[in-house]
Amino acid sequence: MADLIEAGRFAELDIENLVEEVRDLSKRERDRLLSSLRLIGHHLLKWDY
């Protein structure tokens, strides 16, 4: 799909699959962010006490 987007052949894209991929990516990125924030909070608490 990346090749189709790069080539500008948007009419040939599988839109349903593309939407699903974007949603999965955003969920993974959100989960990684929350995990990193928890880890930072944990380290700050250990440092403080």
N, C-alpha and C. Protein backbone atom coordinates (compact mmCIF):
# COMPACT_ATOMS: atom_id res chain seq x y z
N MET A 1 0.81 -1.19 0.00
CA MET A 1 0.00 0.00 0.00
C MET A 1 0.86 1.25 0.00
N ALA A 2 1.99 1.20 0.67
CA ALA A 2 2.87 2.36 0.69
C ALA A 2 3.33 2.70 -0.72
N ASP A 3 3.56 1.68 -1.53
CA ASP A 3 3.98 1.92 -2.92
C ASP A 3 2.87 2.61 -3.72
N LEU A 4 1.63 2.20 -3.48
CA LEU A 4 0.50 2.82 -4.18
C LEU A 4 0.35 4.28 -3.78
N ILE A 5 0.50 4.55 -2.48
CA ILE A 5 0.39 5.93 -2.00
C ILE A 5 1.52 6.77 -2.59
N GLU A 6 2.73 6.22 -2.56
CA GLU A 6 3.88 6.95 -3.09
C GLU A 6 3.72 7.25 -4.58
N ALA A 7 3.12 6.31 -5.30
CA ALA A 7 2.92 6.50 -6.73
C ALA A 7 1.71 7.37 -7.04
N GLY A 8 0.93 7.70 -6.00
CA GLY A 8 -0.24 8.55 -6.22
C GLY A 8 -1.43 7.80 -6.81
N ARG A 9 -1.43 6.48 -6.69
CA ARG A 9 -2.52 5.65 -7.24
C ARG A 9 -3.55 5.38 -6.14
N PHE A 10 -4.21 6.44 -5.70
CA PHE A 10 -5.11 6.37 -4.56
C PHE A 10 -6.36 5.55 -4.84
N ALA A 11 -6.80 5.51 -6.06
CA ALA A 11 -8.01 4.77 -6.41
C ALA A 11 -7.82 3.26 -6.22
N GLU A 12 -6.58 2.80 -6.21
CA GLU A 12 -6.30 1.37 -6.09
C GLU A 12 -6.11 0.92 -4.64
N LEU A 13 -6.18 1.85 -3.70
CA LEU A 13 -5.95 1.51 -2.29
C LEU A 13 -7.11 0.72 -1.71
N ASP A 14 -6.79 -0.18 -0.81
CA ASP A 14 -7.79 -0.91 -0.03
C ASP A 14 -8.06 -0.06 1.22
N ILE A 15 -9.04 0.81 1.12
CA ILE A 15 -9.30 1.80 2.16
C ILE A 15 -9.63 1.15 3.51
N GLU A 16 -10.44 0.11 3.52
CA GLU A 16 -10.80 -0.54 4.79
C GLU A 16 -9.56 -1.07 5.50
N ASN A 17 -8.67 -1.69 4.75
CA ASN A 17 -7.44 -2.22 5.32
C ASN A 17 -6.54 -1.09 5.80
N LEU A 18 -6.47 -0.03 5.04
CA LEU A 18 -5.65 1.13 5.41
C LEU A 18 -6.14 1.76 6.71
N VAL A 19 -7.45 1.90 6.85
CA VAL A 19 -8.03 2.46 8.08
C VAL A 19 -7.69 1.58 9.26
N GLU A 20 -7.79 0.27 9.10
CA GLU A 20 -7.46 -0.66 10.17
C GLU A 20 -5.99 -0.55 10.57
N GLU A 21 -5.11 -0.43 9.60
CA GLU A 21 -3.68 -0.29 9.89
C GLU A 21 -3.39 0.99 10.66
N VAL A 22 -4.02 2.08 10.27
CA VAL A 22 -3.81 3.36 10.95
C VAL A 22 -4.32 3.28 12.38
N ARG A 23 -5.47 2.66 12.58
CA ARG A 23 -6.00 2.52 13.95
C ARG A 23 -5.08 1.67 14.81
N ASP A 24 -4.56 0.56 14.27
CA ASP A 24 -3.63 -0.28 15.01
C ASP A 24 -2.37 0.48 15.37
N LEU A 25 -1.87 1.24 14.42
CA LEU A 25 -0.65 2.01 14.66
C LEU A 25 -0.88 3.03 15.76
N SER A 26 -2.00 3.73 15.71
CA SER A 26 -2.27 4.75 16.72
C SER A 26 -2.43 4.12 18.10
N LYS A 27 -3.06 2.94 18.17
CA LYS A 27 -3.22 2.24 19.44
C LYS A 27 -1.87 1.82 19.99
N ARG A 28 -0.99 1.29 19.15
CA ARG A 28 0.34 0.88 19.60
C ARG A 28 1.15 2.07 20.09
N GLU A 29 1.07 3.17 19.36
CA GLU A 29 1.81 4.36 19.77
C GLU A 29 1.28 4.91 21.09
N ARG A 30 -0.03 4.90 21.27
CA ARG A 30 -0.62 5.36 22.53
C ARG A 30 -0.18 4.46 23.68
N ASP A 31 -0.18 3.15 23.46
CA ASP A 31 0.24 2.21 24.49
C ASP A 31 1.71 2.40 24.85
N ARG A 32 2.55 2.65 23.84
CA ARG A 32 3.97 2.90 24.10
C ARG A 32 4.16 4.18 24.90
N LEU A 33 3.40 5.21 24.58
CA LEU A 33 3.49 6.47 25.31
C LEU A 33 3.09 6.28 26.77
N LEU A 34 1.97 5.61 27.01
CA LEU A 34 1.52 5.39 28.38
C LEU A 34 2.52 4.56 29.16
N SER A 35 3.10 3.57 28.53
CA SER A 35 4.10 2.74 29.18
C SER A 35 5.32 3.58 29.57
N SER A 36 5.76 4.43 28.67
CA SER A 36 6.91 5.29 28.96
C SER A 36 6.60 6.27 30.08
N LEU A 37 5.39 6.82 30.08
CA LEU A 37 5.01 7.75 31.15
C LEU A 37 4.95 7.04 32.50
N ARG A 38 4.45 5.80 32.52
CA ARG A 38 4.42 5.04 33.77
C ARG A 38 5.83 4.78 34.28
N LEU A 39 6.72 4.43 33.38
CA LEU A 39 8.10 4.16 33.75
C LEU A 39 8.77 5.42 34.30
N ILE A 40 8.54 6.55 33.66
CA ILE A 40 9.11 7.82 34.16
C ILE A 40 8.55 8.12 35.55
N GLY A 41 7.25 7.97 35.72
CA GLY A 41 6.64 8.21 37.03
C GLY A 41 7.22 7.29 38.09
N HIS A 42 7.43 6.04 37.74
CA HIS A 42 8.01 5.07 38.66
C HIS A 42 9.42 5.51 39.08
N HIS A 43 10.22 5.90 38.11
CA HIS A 43 11.58 6.35 38.41
C HIS A 43 11.58 7.62 39.26
N LEU A 44 10.68 8.54 38.97
CA LEU A 44 10.60 9.76 39.77
C LEU A 44 10.22 9.46 41.22
N LEU A 45 9.29 8.53 41.41
CA LEU A 45 8.91 8.15 42.76
C LEU A 45 10.08 7.49 43.50
N LYS A 46 10.79 6.62 42.82
CA LYS A 46 11.95 5.97 43.45
C LYS A 46 13.02 7.01 43.80
N TRP A 47 13.22 7.98 42.95
CA TRP A 47 14.22 9.01 43.16
C TRP A 47 13.83 9.89 44.36
N ASP A 48 12.52 10.19 44.47
CA ASP A 48 12.05 11.06 45.52
C ASP A 48 12.11 10.38 46.90
N TYR A 49 11.86 9.07 46.93
CA TYR A 49 11.81 8.37 48.21
C TYR A 49 13.01 7.51 48.34
